[in-house]
Amino acid sequence: MPKISYAKAAADAVAEEMRADPKVFHLSTDAPQSLLKEFGPSRVRETPITESALTGIAIGAVLALAATRFLGTLLFGVEAFDAGTYLGVSAVMVLVGLAASYLPARRASKVDPLVSLRSE
C-alpha cells in the first residue's frame, strides 16, 4: 500500500466523486491544482474569504492600538488601553460581521449550485 499525504488522499477522493457524478463541484480556499487541471474552473472554485478576513482583523487591531493616544484625549473616563472597551467593541464588531455574512449565506444556500454555475 503506497504512503500518500492526507491532502493527496482527499484530492483523489474528491476527483473520484467528480468523475462519477458530473453535478459534483469543489469549493475550497486552496484548490488542488490536479483538480483544477482535470475539471477546469467551472467545477473547481477557489474562495479566499478566510485570508481576507484575518488580514482585515490584523490591520484593524494595529490601527486601533496606534490611534489610542489620540482618541484617549477625546474620551473622558476611558483610559488609552481600556481592556473592557476593546473587548466590548470587538464583540460588537464580530456580531455585526456574523449577522452581515449569515443572511446572504443563508439566502445563497437555498440556490441550486448548478443553476448559479450555469449563469456565469
PDB file of N, CA and C in Angstrom:
ATOM      1  N   MET A   1       0.845  -1.180   0.000  1.00  0.00           N
ATOM      2  CA  MET A   1       0.000   0.000   0.000  1.00  0.00           C
ATOM      3  C   MET A   1       0.890   1.243   0.000  1.00  0.00           C
ATOM      4  N   PRO A   2       0.733   2.130  -0.972  1.00  0.00           N
ATOM      5  CA  PRO A   2       1.601   3.317  -1.036  1.00  0.00           C
ATOM      6  C   PRO A   2       1.245   4.321   0.053  1.00  0.00           C
ATOM      7  N   LYS A   3       2.268   5.028   0.520  1.00  0.00           N
ATOM      8  CA  LYS A   3       2.050   6.067   1.518  1.00  0.00           C
ATOM      9  C   LYS A   3       1.869   7.396   0.797  1.00  0.00           C
ATOM     10  N   ILE A   4       0.740   8.046   1.073  1.00  0.00           N
ATOM     11  CA  ILE A   4       0.470   9.354   0.491  1.00  0.00           C
ATOM     12  C   ILE A   4       0.005  10.285   1.604  1.00  0.00           C
ATOM     13  N   SER A   5       0.072  11.556   1.340  1.00  0.00           N
ATOM     14  CA  SER A   5      -0.340  12.530   2.352  1.00  0.00           C
ATOM     15  C   SER A   5      -1.865  12.598   2.440  1.00  0.00           C
ATOM     16  N   TYR A   6      -2.336  13.193   3.530  1.00  0.00           N
ATOM     17  CA  TYR A   6      -3.775  13.362   3.712  1.00  0.00           C
ATOM     18  C   TYR A   6      -4.353  14.241   2.602  1.00  0.00           C
ATOM     19  N   ALA A   7      -3.646  15.306   2.252  1.00  0.00           N
ATOM     20  CA  ALA A   7      -4.130  16.220   1.211  1.00  0.00           C
ATOM     21  C   ALA A   7      -4.276  15.500  -0.127  1.00  0.00           C
ATOM     22  N   LYS A   8      -3.298  14.654  -0.467  1.00  0.00           N
ATOM     23  CA  LYS A   8      -3.357  13.901  -1.724  1.00  0.00           C
ATOM     24  C   LYS A   8      -4.508  12.906  -1.693  1.00  0.00           C
ATOM     25  N   ALA A   9      -4.704  12.235  -0.562  1.00  0.00           N
ATOM     26  CA  ALA A   9      -5.805  11.272  -0.448  1.00  0.00           C
ATOM     27  C   ALA A   9      -7.153  11.972  -0.574  1.00  0.00           C
ATOM     28  N   ALA A  10      -7.280  13.147   0.049  1.00  0.00           N
ATOM     29  CA  ALA A  10      -8.529  13.897  -0.042  1.00  0.00           C
ATOM     30  C   ALA A  10      -8.781  14.362  -1.471  1.00  0.00           C
ATOM     31  N   ALA A  11      -7.739  14.851  -2.142  1.00  0.00           N
ATOM     32  CA  ALA A  11      -7.887  15.296  -3.533  1.00  0.00           C
ATOM     33  C   ALA A  11      -8.258  14.128  -4.443  1.00  0.00           C
ATOM     34  N   ASP A  12      -7.663  12.967  -4.211  1.00  0.00           N
ATOM     35  CA  ASP A  12      -8.004  11.782  -5.011  1.00  0.00           C
ATOM     36  C   ASP A  12      -9.450  11.360  -4.795  1.00  0.00           C
ATOM     37  N   ALA A  13      -9.918  11.430  -3.540  1.00  0.00           N
ATOM     38  CA  ALA A  13     -11.299  11.055  -3.239  1.00  0.00           C
ATOM     39  C   ALA A  13     -12.285  12.024  -3.889  1.00  0.00           C
ATOM     40  N   VAL A  14     -11.978  13.316  -3.829  1.00  0.00           N
ATOM     41  CA  VAL A  14     -12.849  14.310  -4.462  1.00  0.00           C
ATOM     42  C   VAL A  14     -12.861  14.107  -5.976  1.00  0.00           C
ATOM     43  N   ALA A  15     -11.695  13.855  -6.564  1.00  0.00           N
ATOM     44  CA  ALA A  15     -11.608  13.637  -8.006  1.00  0.00           C
ATOM     45  C   ALA A  15     -12.414  12.411  -8.422  1.00  0.00           C
ATOM     46  N   GLU A  16     -12.355  11.366  -7.613  1.00  0.00           N
ATOM     47  CA  GLU A  16     -13.115  10.149  -7.915  1.00  0.00           C
ATOM     48  C   GLU A  16     -14.622  10.431  -7.936  1.00  0.00           C
ATOM     49  N   GLU A  17     -15.089  11.189  -6.968  1.00  0.00           N
ATOM     50  CA  GLU A  17     -16.510  11.529  -6.915  1.00  0.00           C
ATOM     51  C   GLU A  17     -16.894  12.468  -8.059  1.00  0.00           C
ATOM     52  N   MET A  18     -15.998  13.389  -8.422  1.00  0.00           N
ATOM     53  CA  MET A  18     -16.295  14.308  -9.512  1.00  0.00           C
ATOM     54  C   MET A  18     -16.338  13.581 -10.852  1.00  0.00           C
ATOM     55  N   ARG A  19     -15.522  12.540 -11.006  1.00  0.00           N
ATOM     56  CA  ARG A  19     -15.567  11.734 -12.230  1.00  0.00           C
ATOM     57  C   ARG A  19     -16.865  10.938 -12.302  1.00  0.00           C
ATOM     58  N   ALA A  20     -17.326  10.447 -11.153  1.00  0.00           N
ATOM     59  CA  ALA A  20     -18.524   9.614 -11.120  1.00  0.00           C
ATOM     60  C   ALA A  20     -19.800  10.423 -11.337  1.00  0.00           C
ATOM     61  N   ASP A  21     -19.827  11.660 -10.884  1.00  0.00           N
ATOM     62  CA  ASP A  21     -21.040  12.471 -10.973  1.00  0.00           C
ATOM     63  C   ASP A  21     -20.693  13.857 -11.510  1.00  0.00           C
ATOM     64  N   PRO A  22     -21.147  14.196 -12.699  1.00  0.00           N
ATOM     65  CA  PRO A  22     -20.809  15.499 -13.278  1.00  0.00           C
ATOM     66  C   PRO A  22     -21.461  16.682 -12.551  1.00  0.00           C
ATOM     67  N   LYS A  23     -22.389  16.428 -11.642  1.00  0.00           N
ATOM     68  CA  LYS A  23     -23.029  17.506 -10.888  1.00  0.00           C
ATOM     69  C   LYS A  23     -22.192  17.947  -9.690  1.00  0.00           C
ATOM     70  N   VAL A  24     -21.184  17.159  -9.313  1.00  0.00           N
ATOM     71  CA  VAL A  24     -20.354  17.479  -8.152  1.00  0.00           C
ATOM     72  C   VAL A  24     -19.327  18.535  -8.540  1.00  0.00           C
ATOM     73  N   PHE A  25     -19.150  19.525  -7.679  1.00  0.00           N
ATOM     74  CA  PHE A  25     -18.114  20.519  -7.885  1.00  0.00           C
ATOM     75  C   PHE A  25     -17.390  20.747  -6.564  1.00  0.00           C
ATOM     76  N   HIS A  26     -16.244  21.421  -6.625  1.00  0.00           N
ATOM     77  CA  HIS A  26     -15.369  21.561  -5.460  1.00  0.00           C
ATOM     78  C   HIS A  26     -15.134  23.034  -5.150  1.00  0.00           C
ATOM     79  N   LEU A  27     -15.393  23.428  -3.877  1.00  0.00           N
ATOM     80  CA  LEU A  27     -15.106  24.780  -3.399  1.00  0.00           C
ATOM     81  C   LEU A  27     -14.123  24.668  -2.250  1.00  0.00           C
ATOM     82  N   SER A  28     -13.058  25.444  -2.281  1.00  0.00           N
ATOM     83  CA  SER A  28     -12.113  25.448  -1.159  1.00  0.00           C
ATOM     84  C   SER A  28     -11.286  26.726  -1.204  1.00  0.00           C
ATOM     85  N   THR A  29     -10.579  26.983  -0.109  1.00  0.00           N
ATOM     86  CA  THR A  29      -9.724  28.160  -0.077  1.00  0.00           C
ATOM     87  C   THR A  29      -8.426  27.930  -0.838  1.00  0.00           C
ATOM     88  N   ASP A  30      -8.040  26.684  -1.019  1.00  0.00           N
ATOM     89  CA  ASP A  30      -6.816  26.352  -1.746  1.00  0.00           C
ATOM     90  C   ASP A  30      -7.050  25.071  -2.534  1.00  0.00           C
ATOM     91  N   ALA A  31      -7.633  25.191  -3.709  1.00  0.00           N
ATOM     92  CA  ALA A  31      -7.982  24.018  -4.510  1.00  0.00           C
ATOM     93  C   ALA A  31      -6.729  23.349  -5.061  1.00  0.00           C
ATOM     94  N   PRO A  32      -6.677  22.011  -4.997  1.00  0.00           N
ATOM     95  CA  PRO A  32      -5.531  21.301  -5.572  1.00  0.00           C
ATOM     96  C   PRO A  32      -5.438  21.544  -7.082  1.00  0.00           C
ATOM     97  N   GLN A  33      -4.232  21.768  -7.565  1.00  0.00           N
ATOM     98  CA  GLN A  33      -4.019  22.029  -8.982  1.00  0.00           C
ATOM     99  C   GLN A  33      -4.413  20.840  -9.853  1.00  0.00           C
ATOM    100  N   SER A  34      -4.285  19.624  -9.305  1.00  0.00           N
ATOM    101  CA  SER A  34      -4.676  18.444 -10.085  1.00  0.00           C
ATOM    102  C   SER A  34      -6.167  18.474 -10.405  1.00  0.00           C
ATOM    103  N   LEU A  35      -6.988  18.917  -9.442  1.00  0.00           N
ATOM    104  CA  LEU A  35      -8.430  19.024  -9.699  1.00  0.00           C
ATOM    105  C   LEU A  35      -8.717  20.131 -10.704  1.00  0.00           C
ATOM    106  N   LEU A  36      -8.035  21.241 -10.557  1.00  0.00           N
ATOM    107  CA  LEU A  36      -8.247  22.367 -11.462  1.00  0.00           C
ATOM    108  C   LEU A  36      -7.882  22.000 -12.894  1.00  0.00           C
ATOM    109  N   LYS A  37      -6.786  21.267 -13.073  1.00  0.00           N
ATOM    110  CA  LYS A  37      -6.364  20.860 -14.418  1.00  0.00           C
ATOM    111  C   LYS A  37      -7.348  19.869 -15.040  1.00  0.00           C
ATOM    112  N   GLU A  38      -7.813  18.907 -14.222  1.00  0.00           N
ATOM    113  CA  GLU A  38      -8.679  17.859 -14.759  1.00  0.00           C
ATOM    114  C   GLU A  38     -10.106  18.336 -15.020  1.00  0.00           C
ATOM    115  N   PHE A  39     -10.660  19.155 -14.120  1.00  0.00           N
ATOM    116  CA  PHE A  39     -12.073  19.519 -14.217  1.00  0.00           C
ATOM    117  C   PHE A  39     -12.323  20.964 -14.634  1.00  0.00           C
ATOM    118  N   GLY A  40     -11.301  21.786 -14.583  1.00  0.00           N
ATOM    119  CA  GLY A  40     -11.437  23.165 -15.040  1.00  0.00           C
ATOM    120  C   GLY A  40     -12.090  24.084 -14.020  1.00  0.00           C
ATOM    121  N   PRO A  41     -12.052  25.382 -14.309  1.00  0.00           N
ATOM    122  CA  PRO A  41     -12.570  26.360 -13.359  1.00  0.00           C
ATOM    123  C   PRO A  41     -14.094  26.346 -13.212  1.00  0.00           C
ATOM    124  N   SER A  42     -14.799  25.682 -14.120  1.00  0.00           N
ATOM    125  CA  SER A  42     -16.255  25.637 -13.986  1.00  0.00           C
ATOM    126  C   SER A  42     -16.698  24.701 -12.863  1.00  0.00           C
ATOM    127  N   ARG A  43     -15.855  23.717 -12.507  1.00  0.00           N
ATOM    128  CA  ARG A  43     -16.227  22.789 -11.431  1.00  0.00           C
ATOM    129  C   ARG A  43     -15.321  22.870 -10.215  1.00  0.00           C
ATOM    130  N   VAL A  44     -14.252  23.642 -10.299  1.00  0.00           N
ATOM    131  CA  VAL A  44     -13.339  23.811  -9.163  1.00  0.00           C
ATOM    132  C   VAL A  44     -13.182  25.307  -8.908  1.00  0.00           C
ATOM    133  N   ARG A  45     -13.615  25.755  -7.743  1.00  0.00           N
ATOM    134  CA  ARG A  45     -13.572  27.178  -7.410  1.00  0.00           C
ATOM    135  C   ARG A  45     -12.748  27.414  -6.160  1.00  0.00           C
ATOM    136  N   GLU A  46     -11.925  28.444  -6.193  1.00  0.00           N
ATOM    137  CA  GLU A  46     -11.181  28.859  -5.006  1.00  0.00           C
ATOM    138  C   GLU A  46     -11.911  30.032  -4.376  1.00  0.00           C
ATOM    139  N   THR A  47     -12.077  29.983  -3.060  1.00  0.00           N
ATOM    140  CA  THR A  47     -12.801  31.028  -2.330  1.00  0.00           C
ATOM    141  C   THR A  47     -11.924  31.545  -1.197  1.00  0.00           C
ATOM    142  N   PRO A  48     -11.060  32.527  -1.468  1.00  0.00           N
ATOM    143  CA  PRO A  48     -10.121  33.014  -0.446  1.00  0.00           C
ATOM    144  C   PRO A  48     -10.733  34.031   0.519  1.00  0.00           C
ATOM    145  N   ILE A  49     -11.873  33.675   1.116  1.00  0.00           N
ATOM    146  CA  ILE A  49     -12.554  34.596   2.022  1.00  0.00           C
ATOM    147  C   ILE A  49     -11.840  34.668   3.366  1.00  0.00           C
ATOM    148  N   THR A  50     -11.404  33.549   3.875  1.00  0.00           N
ATOM    149  CA  THR A  50     -10.823  33.495   5.208  1.00  0.00           C
ATOM    150  C   THR A  50      -9.570  34.352   5.325  1.00  0.00           C
ATOM    151  N   GLU A  51      -8.700  34.289   4.343  1.00  0.00           N
ATOM    152  CA  GLU A  51      -7.466  35.050   4.407  1.00  0.00           C
ATOM    153  C   GLU A  51      -7.747  36.552   4.442  1.00  0.00           C
ATOM    154  N   SER A  52      -8.725  36.994   3.692  1.00  0.00           N
ATOM    155  CA  SER A  52      -9.075  38.420   3.680  1.00  0.00           C
ATOM    156  C   SER A  52      -9.595  38.869   5.033  1.00  0.00           C
ATOM    157  N   ALA A  53     -10.408  38.044   5.664  1.00  0.00           N
ATOM    158  CA  ALA A  53     -10.961  38.406   6.975  1.00  0.00           C
ATOM    159  C   ALA A  53      -9.863  38.505   8.022  1.00  0.00           C
ATOM    160  N   LEU A  54      -8.954  37.539   8.032  1.00  0.00           N
ATOM    161  CA  LEU A  54      -7.870  37.569   9.016  1.00  0.00           C
ATOM    162  C   LEU A  54      -6.942  38.760   8.787  1.00  0.00           C
ATOM    163  N   THR A  55      -6.693  39.083   7.540  1.00  0.00           N
ATOM    164  CA  THR A  55      -5.864  40.244   7.234  1.00  0.00           C
ATOM    165  C   THR A  55      -6.536  41.530   7.703  1.00  0.00           C
ATOM    166  N   GLY A  56      -7.823  41.646   7.489  1.00  0.00           N
ATOM    167  CA  GLY A  56      -8.565  42.819   7.929  1.00  0.00           C
ATOM    168  C   GLY A  56      -8.588  42.970   9.435  1.00  0.00           C
ATOM    169  N   ILE A  57      -8.726  41.851  10.149  1.00  0.00           N
ATOM    170  CA  ILE A  57      -8.713  41.894  11.611  1.00  0.00           C
ATOM    171  C   ILE A  57      -7.347  42.353  12.117  1.00  0.00           C
ATOM    172  N   ALA A  58      -6.288  41.833  11.544  1.00  0.00           N
ATOM    173  CA  ALA A  58      -4.940  42.200  11.981  1.00  0.00           C
ATOM    174  C   ALA A  58      -4.648  43.677  11.712  1.00  0.00           C
ATOM    175  N   ILE A  59      -5.002  44.157  10.536  1.00  0.00           N
ATOM    176  CA  ILE A  59      -4.768  45.566  10.209  1.00  0.00           C
ATOM    177  C   ILE A  59      -5.602  46.466  11.115  1.00  0.00           C
ATOM    178  N   GLY A  60      -6.849  46.096  11.352  1.00  0.00           N
ATOM    179  CA  GLY A  60      -7.716  46.880  12.224  1.00  0.00           C
ATOM    180  C   GLY A  60      -7.206  46.952  13.648  1.00  0.00           C
ATOM    181  N   ALA A  61      -6.694  45.842  14.161  1.00  0.00           N
ATOM    182  CA  ALA A  61      -6.160  45.835  15.529  1.00  0.00           C
ATOM    183  C   ALA A  61      -4.935  46.724  15.649  1.00  0.00           C
ATOM    184  N   VAL A  62      -4.053  46.666  14.673  1.00  0.00           N
ATOM    185  CA  VAL A  62      -2.852  47.506  14.700  1.00  0.00           C
ATOM    186  C   VAL A  62      -3.229  48.987  14.627  1.00  0.00           C
ATOM    187  N   LEU A  63      -4.150  49.335  13.748  1.00  0.00           N
ATOM    188  CA  LEU A  63      -4.567  50.730  13.632  1.00  0.00           C
ATOM    189  C   LEU A  63      -5.293  51.213  14.892  1.00  0.00           C
ATOM    190  N   ALA A  64      -6.071  50.353  15.511  1.00  0.00           N
ATOM    191  CA  ALA A  64      -6.766  50.732  16.741  1.00  0.00           C
ATOM    192  C   ALA A  64      -5.774  51.012  17.852  1.00  0.00           C
ATOM    193  N   LEU A  65      -4.771  50.166  17.987  1.00  0.00           N
ATOM    194  CA  LEU A  65      -3.764  50.400  19.022  1.00  0.00           C
ATOM    195  C   LEU A  65      -2.945  51.654  18.732  1.00  0.00           C
ATOM    196  N   ALA A  66      -2.706  51.933  17.453  1.00  0.00           N
ATOM    197  CA  ALA A  66      -1.932  53.119  17.098  1.00  0.00           C
ATOM    198  C   ALA A  66      -2.715  54.402  17.371  1.00  0.00           C
ATOM    199  N   ALA A  67      -4.029  54.336  17.304  1.00  0.00           N
ATOM    200  CA  ALA A  67      -4.851  55.531  17.481  1.00  0.00           C
ATOM    201  C   ALA A  67      -5.250  55.778  18.933  1.00  0.00           C
ATOM    202  N   THR A  68      -4.821  54.941  19.862  1.00  0.00           N
ATOM    203  CA  THR A  68      -5.290  55.064  21.246  1.00  0.00           C
ATOM    204  C   THR A  68      -4.870  56.378  21.896  1.00  0.00           C
ATOM    205  N   ARG A  69      -3.690  56.872  21.641  1.00  0.00           N
ATOM    206  CA  ARG A  69      -3.248  58.125  22.272  1.00  0.00           C
ATOM    207  C   ARG A  69      -4.118  59.295  21.823  1.00  0.00           C
ATOM    208  N   PHE A  70      -4.389  59.350  20.541  1.00  0.00           N
ATOM    209  CA  PHE A  70      -5.207  60.439  20.030  1.00  0.00           C
ATOM    210  C   PHE A  70      -6.639  60.342  20.569  1.00  0.00           C
ATOM    211  N   LEU A  71      -7.222  59.154  20.514  1.00  0.00           N
ATOM    212  CA  LEU A  71      -8.601  59.002  20.959  1.00  0.00           C
ATOM    213  C   LEU A  71      -8.731  59.132  22.474  1.00  0.00           C
ATOM    214  N   GLY A  72      -7.677  58.807  23.209  1.00  0.00           N
ATOM    215  CA  GLY A  72      -7.707  58.946  24.665  1.00  0.00           C
ATOM    216  C   GLY A  72      -7.899  60.389  25.101  1.00  0.00           C
ATOM    217  N   THR A  73      -7.430  61.335  24.319  1.00  0.00           N
ATOM    218  CA  THR A  73      -7.609  62.750  24.670  1.00  0.00           C
ATOM    219  C   THR A  73      -9.026  63.228  24.384  1.00  0.00           C
ATOM    220  N   LEU A  74      -9.748  62.528  23.521  1.00  0.00           N
ATOM    221  CA  LEU A  74     -11.104  62.930  23.167  1.00  0.00           C
ATOM    222  C   LEU A  74     -12.170  62.327  24.074  1.00  0.00           C
ATOM    223  N   LEU A  75     -11.867  61.191  24.693  1.00  0.00           N
ATOM    224  CA  LEU A  75     -12.855  60.485  25.510  1.00  0.00           C
ATOM    225  C   LEU A  75     -12.581  60.717  26.989  1.00  0.00           C
ATOM    226  N   PHE A  76     -13.605  61.052  27.727  1.00  0.00           N
ATOM    227  CA  PHE A  76     -13.459  61.281  29.160  1.00  0.00           C
ATOM    228  C   PHE A  76     -13.827  60.010  29.910  1.00  0.00           C
ATOM    229  N   GLY A  77     -13.007  59.638  30.869  1.00  0.00           N
ATOM    230  CA  GLY A  77     -13.280  58.471  31.702  1.00  0.00           C
ATOM    231  C   GLY A  77     -12.867  57.154  31.081  1.00  0.00           C
ATOM    232  N   VAL A  78     -12.206  57.181  29.953  1.00  0.00           N
ATOM    233  CA  VAL A  78     -11.737  55.957  29.304  1.00  0.00           C
ATOM    234  C   VAL A  78     -10.235  56.069  29.138  1.00  0.00           C
ATOM    235  N   GLU A  79      -9.527  55.086  29.645  1.00  0.00           N
ATOM    236  CA  GLU A  79      -8.068  55.098  29.517  1.00  0.00           C
ATOM    237  C   GLU A  79      -7.659  54.703  28.099  1.00  0.00           C
ATOM    238  N   ALA A  80      -6.424  54.985  27.756  1.00  0.00           N
ATOM    239  CA  ALA A  80      -5.942  54.687  26.402  1.00  0.00           C
ATOM    240  C   ALA A  80      -5.978  53.193  26.107  1.00  0.00           C
ATOM    241  N   PHE A  81      -5.650  52.375  27.083  1.00  0.00           N
ATOM    242  CA  PHE A  81      -5.648  50.927  26.886  1.00  0.00           C
ATOM    243  C   PHE A  81      -6.675  50.276  27.795  1.00  0.00           C
ATOM    244  N   ASP A  82      -7.929  50.676  27.678  1.00  0.00           N
ATOM    245  CA  ASP A  82      -9.013  50.123  28.481  1.00  0.00           C
ATOM    246  C   ASP A  82      -9.450  48.786  27.883  1.00  0.00           C
ATOM    247  N   ALA A  83      -9.144  47.687  28.574  1.00  0.00           N
ATOM    248  CA  ALA A  83      -9.419  46.350  28.045  1.00  0.00           C
ATOM    249  C   ALA A  83     -10.915  46.117  27.847  1.00  0.00           C
ATOM    250  N   GLY A  84     -11.734  46.625  28.765  1.00  0.00           N
ATOM    251  CA  GLY A  84     -13.173  46.440  28.639  1.00  0.00           C
ATOM    252  C   GLY A  84     -13.740  47.070  27.381  1.00  0.00           C
ATOM    253  N   THR A  85     -13.239  48.251  27.063  1.00  0.00           N
ATOM    254  CA  THR A  85     -13.696  48.934  25.853  1.00  0.00           C
ATOM    255  C   THR A  85     -13.289  48.154  24.611  1.00  0.00           C
ATOM    256  N   TYR A  86     -12.037  47.691  24.579  1.00  0.00           N
ATOM    257  CA  TYR A  86     -11.579  46.910  23.423  1.00  0.00           C
ATOM    258  C   TYR A  86     -12.380  45.625  23.263  1.00  0.00           C
ATOM    259  N   LEU A  87     -12.631  44.924  24.362  1.00  0.00           N
ATOM    260  CA  LEU A  87     -13.392  43.674  24.281  1.00  0.00           C
ATOM    261  C   LEU A  87     -14.834  43.938  23.863  1.00  0.00           C
ATOM    262  N   GLY A  88     -15.433  44.981  24.420  1.00  0.00           N
ATOM    263  CA  GLY A  88     -16.812  45.297  24.063  1.00  0.00           C
ATOM    264  C   GLY A  88     -16.975  45.665  22.600  1.00  0.00           C
ATOM    265  N   VAL A  89     -16.105  46.533  22.118  1.00  0.00           N
ATOM    266  CA  VAL A  89     -16.172  46.945  20.713  1.00  0.00           C
ATOM    267  C   VAL A  89     -15.864  45.762  19.802  1.00  0.00           C
ATOM    268  N   SER A  90     -14.894  44.946  20.185  1.00  0.00           N
ATOM    269  CA  SER A  90     -14.572  43.764  19.371  1.00  0.00           C
ATOM    270  C   SER A  90     -15.747  42.810  19.302  1.00  0.00           C
ATOM    271  N   ALA A  91     -16.430  42.598  20.423  1.00  0.00           N
ATOM    272  CA  ALA A  91     -17.593  41.704  20.433  1.00  0.00           C
ATOM    273  C   ALA A  91     -18.706  42.240  19.535  1.00  0.00           C
ATOM    274  N   VAL A  92     -18.950  43.535  19.609  1.00  0.00           N
ATOM    275  CA  VAL A  92     -19.991  44.134  18.758  1.00  0.00           C
ATOM    276  C   VAL A  92     -19.620  43.986  17.284  1.00  0.00           C
ATOM    277  N   MET A  93     -18.360  44.228  16.949  1.00  0.00           N
ATOM    278  CA  MET A  93     -17.929  44.118  15.551  1.00  0.00           C
ATOM    279  C   MET A  93     -18.049  42.676  15.038  1.00  0.00           C
ATOM    280  N   VAL A  94     -17.699  41.704  15.884  1.00  0.00           N
ATOM    281  CA  VAL A  94     -17.823  40.302  15.483  1.00  0.00           C
ATOM    282  C   VAL A  94     -19.290  39.950  15.251  1.00  0.00           C
ATOM    283  N   LEU A  95     -20.171  40.398  16.142  1.00  0.00           N
ATOM    284  CA  LEU A  95     -21.593  40.106  15.980  1.00  0.00           C
ATOM    285  C   LEU A  95     -22.164  40.754  14.721  1.00  0.00           C
ATOM    286  N   VAL A  96     -21.775  41.977  14.448  1.00  0.00           N
ATOM    287  CA  VAL A  96     -22.239  42.643  13.225  1.00  0.00           C
ATOM    288  C   VAL A  96     -21.711  41.909  11.993  1.00  0.00           C
ATOM    289  N   GLY A  97     -20.447  41.503  12.020  1.00  0.00           N
ATOM    290  CA  GLY A  97     -19.883  40.757  10.896  1.00  0.00           C
ATOM    291  C   GLY A  97     -20.568  39.426  10.675  1.00  0.00           C
ATOM    292  N   LEU A  98     -20.876  38.712  11.769  1.00  0.00           N
ATOM    293  CA  LEU A  98     -21.584  37.436  11.640  1.00  0.00           C
ATOM    294  C   LEU A  98     -22.979  37.637  11.076  1.00  0.00           C
ATOM    295  N   ALA A  99     -23.670  38.640  11.559  1.00  0.00           N
ATOM    296  CA  ALA A  99     -25.016  38.911  11.043  1.00  0.00           C
ATOM    297  C   ALA A  99     -24.974  39.307   9.575  1.00  0.00           C
ATOM    298  N   ALA A 100     -23.993  40.128   9.213  1.00  0.00           N
ATOM    299  CA  ALA A 100     -23.891  40.588   7.835  1.00  0.00           C
ATOM    300  C   ALA A 100     -23.528  39.459   6.880  1.00  0.00           C
ATOM    301  N   SER A 101     -22.812  38.453   7.340  1.00  0.00           N
ATOM    302  CA  SER A 101     -22.456  37.346   6.455  1.00  0.00           C
ATOM    303  C   SER A 101     -23.462  36.204   6.531  1.00  0.00           C
ATOM    304  N   TYR A 102     -24.182  36.088   7.647  1.00  0.00           N
ATOM    305  CA  TYR A 102     -25.132  34.989   7.803  1.00  0.00           C
ATOM    306  C   TYR A 102     -26.330  35.130   6.860  1.00  0.00           C
ATOM    307  N   LEU A 103     -26.885  36.322   6.792  1.00  0.00           N
ATOM    308  CA  LEU A 103     -28.095  36.498   5.985  1.00  0.00           C
ATOM    309  C   LEU A 103     -27.856  36.223   4.497  1.00  0.00           C
ATOM    310  N   PRO A 104     -26.816  36.774   3.865  1.00  0.00           N
ATOM    311  CA  PRO A 104     -26.579  36.424   2.455  1.00  0.00           C
ATOM    312  C   PRO A 104     -26.194  34.951   2.270  1.00  0.00           C
ATOM    313  N   ALA A 105     -25.464  34.397   3.229  1.00  0.00           N
ATOM    314  CA  ALA A 105     -25.074  32.985   3.111  1.00  0.00           C
ATOM    315  C   ALA A 105     -26.299  32.077   3.201  1.00  0.00           C
ATOM    316  N   ARG A 106     -27.217  32.432   4.062  1.00  0.00           N
ATOM    317  CA  ARG A 106     -28.445  31.629   4.195  1.00  0.00           C
ATOM    318  C   ARG A 106     -29.255  31.697   2.908  1.00  0.00           C
ATOM    319  N   ARG A 107     -29.358  32.883   2.323  1.00  0.00           N
ATOM    320  CA  ARG A 107     -30.090  33.027   1.075  1.00  0.00           C
ATOM    321  C   ARG A 107     -29.382  32.277  -0.056  1.00  0.00           C
ATOM    322  N   ALA A 108     -28.052  32.355  -0.085  1.00  0.00           N
ATOM    323  CA  ALA A 108     -27.296  31.679  -1.143  1.00  0.00           C
ATOM    324  C   ALA A 108     -27.362  30.160  -1.006  1.00  0.00           C
ATOM    325  N   SER A 109     -27.514  29.660   0.218  1.00  0.00           N
ATOM    326  CA  SER A 109     -27.562  28.210   0.404  1.00  0.00           C
ATOM    327  C   SER A 109     -28.844  27.611  -0.163  1.00  0.00           C
ATOM    328  N   LYS A 110     -29.839  28.437  -0.420  1.00  0.00           N
ATOM    329  CA  LYS A 110     -31.098  27.947  -0.973  1.00  0.00           C
ATOM    330  C   LYS A 110     -31.067  27.872  -2.504  1.00  0.00           C
ATOM    331  N   VAL A 111     -29.996  28.398  -3.114  1.00  0.00           N
ATOM    332  CA  VAL A 111     -29.871  28.395  -4.572  1.00  0.00           C
ATOM    333  C   VAL A 111     -29.189  27.106  -5.013  1.00  0.00           C
ATOM    334  N   ASP A 112     -29.697  26.514  -6.068  1.00  0.00           N
ATOM    335  CA  ASP A 112     -29.078  25.315  -6.620  1.00  0.00           C
ATOM    336  C   ASP A 112     -27.715  25.696  -7.214  1.00  0.00           C
ATOM    337  N   PRO A 113     -26.627  25.043  -6.782  1.00  0.00           N
ATOM    338  CA  PRO A 113     -25.287  25.417  -7.265  1.00  0.00           C
ATOM    339  C   PRO A 113     -25.135  25.296  -8.778  1.00  0.00           C
ATOM    340  N   LEU A 114     -25.758  24.311  -9.374  1.00  0.00           N
ATOM    341  CA  LEU A 114     -25.620  24.149 -10.823  1.00  0.00           C
ATOM    342  C   LEU A 114     -26.285  25.292 -11.573  1.00  0.00           C
ATOM    343  N   VAL A 115     -27.372  25.819 -11.041  1.00  0.00           N
ATOM    344  CA  VAL A 115     -28.039  26.945 -11.687  1.00  0.00           C
ATOM    345  C   VAL A 115     -27.126  28.165 -11.665  1.00  0.00           C
ATOM    346  N   SER A 116     -26.487  28.414 -10.528  1.00  0.00           N
ATOM    347  CA  SER A 116     -25.606  29.587 -10.437  1.00  0.00           C
ATOM    348  C   SER A 116     -24.350  29.394 -11.276  1.00  0.00           C
ATOM    349  N   LEU A 117     -23.821  28.186 -11.368  1.00  0.00           N
ATOM    350  CA  LEU A 117     -22.634  27.957 -12.195  1.00  0.00           C
ATOM    351  C   LEU A 117     -22.967  28.106 -13.687  1.00  0.00           C
ATOM    352  N   ARG A 118     -24.166  27.705 -14.089  1.00  0.00           N
ATOM    353  CA  ARG A 118     -24.546  27.841 -15.497  1.00  0.00           C
ATOM    354  C   ARG A 118     -24.707  29.293 -15.903  1.00  0.00           C
ATOM    355  N   SER A 119     -25.057  30.145 -14.939  1.00  0.00           N
ATOM    356  CA  SER A 119     -25.326  31.541 -15.280  1.00  0.00           C
ATOM    357  C   SER A 119     -24.045  32.346 -15.468  1.00  0.00           C
ATOM    358  N   GLU A 120     -22.896  31.806 -15.096  1.00  0.00           N
ATOM    359  CA  GLU A 120     -21.639  32.564 -15.215  1.00  0.00           C
ATOM    360  C   GLU A 120     -20.989  32.353 -16.574  1.00  0.00           C
TER     361      GLU A 120
END
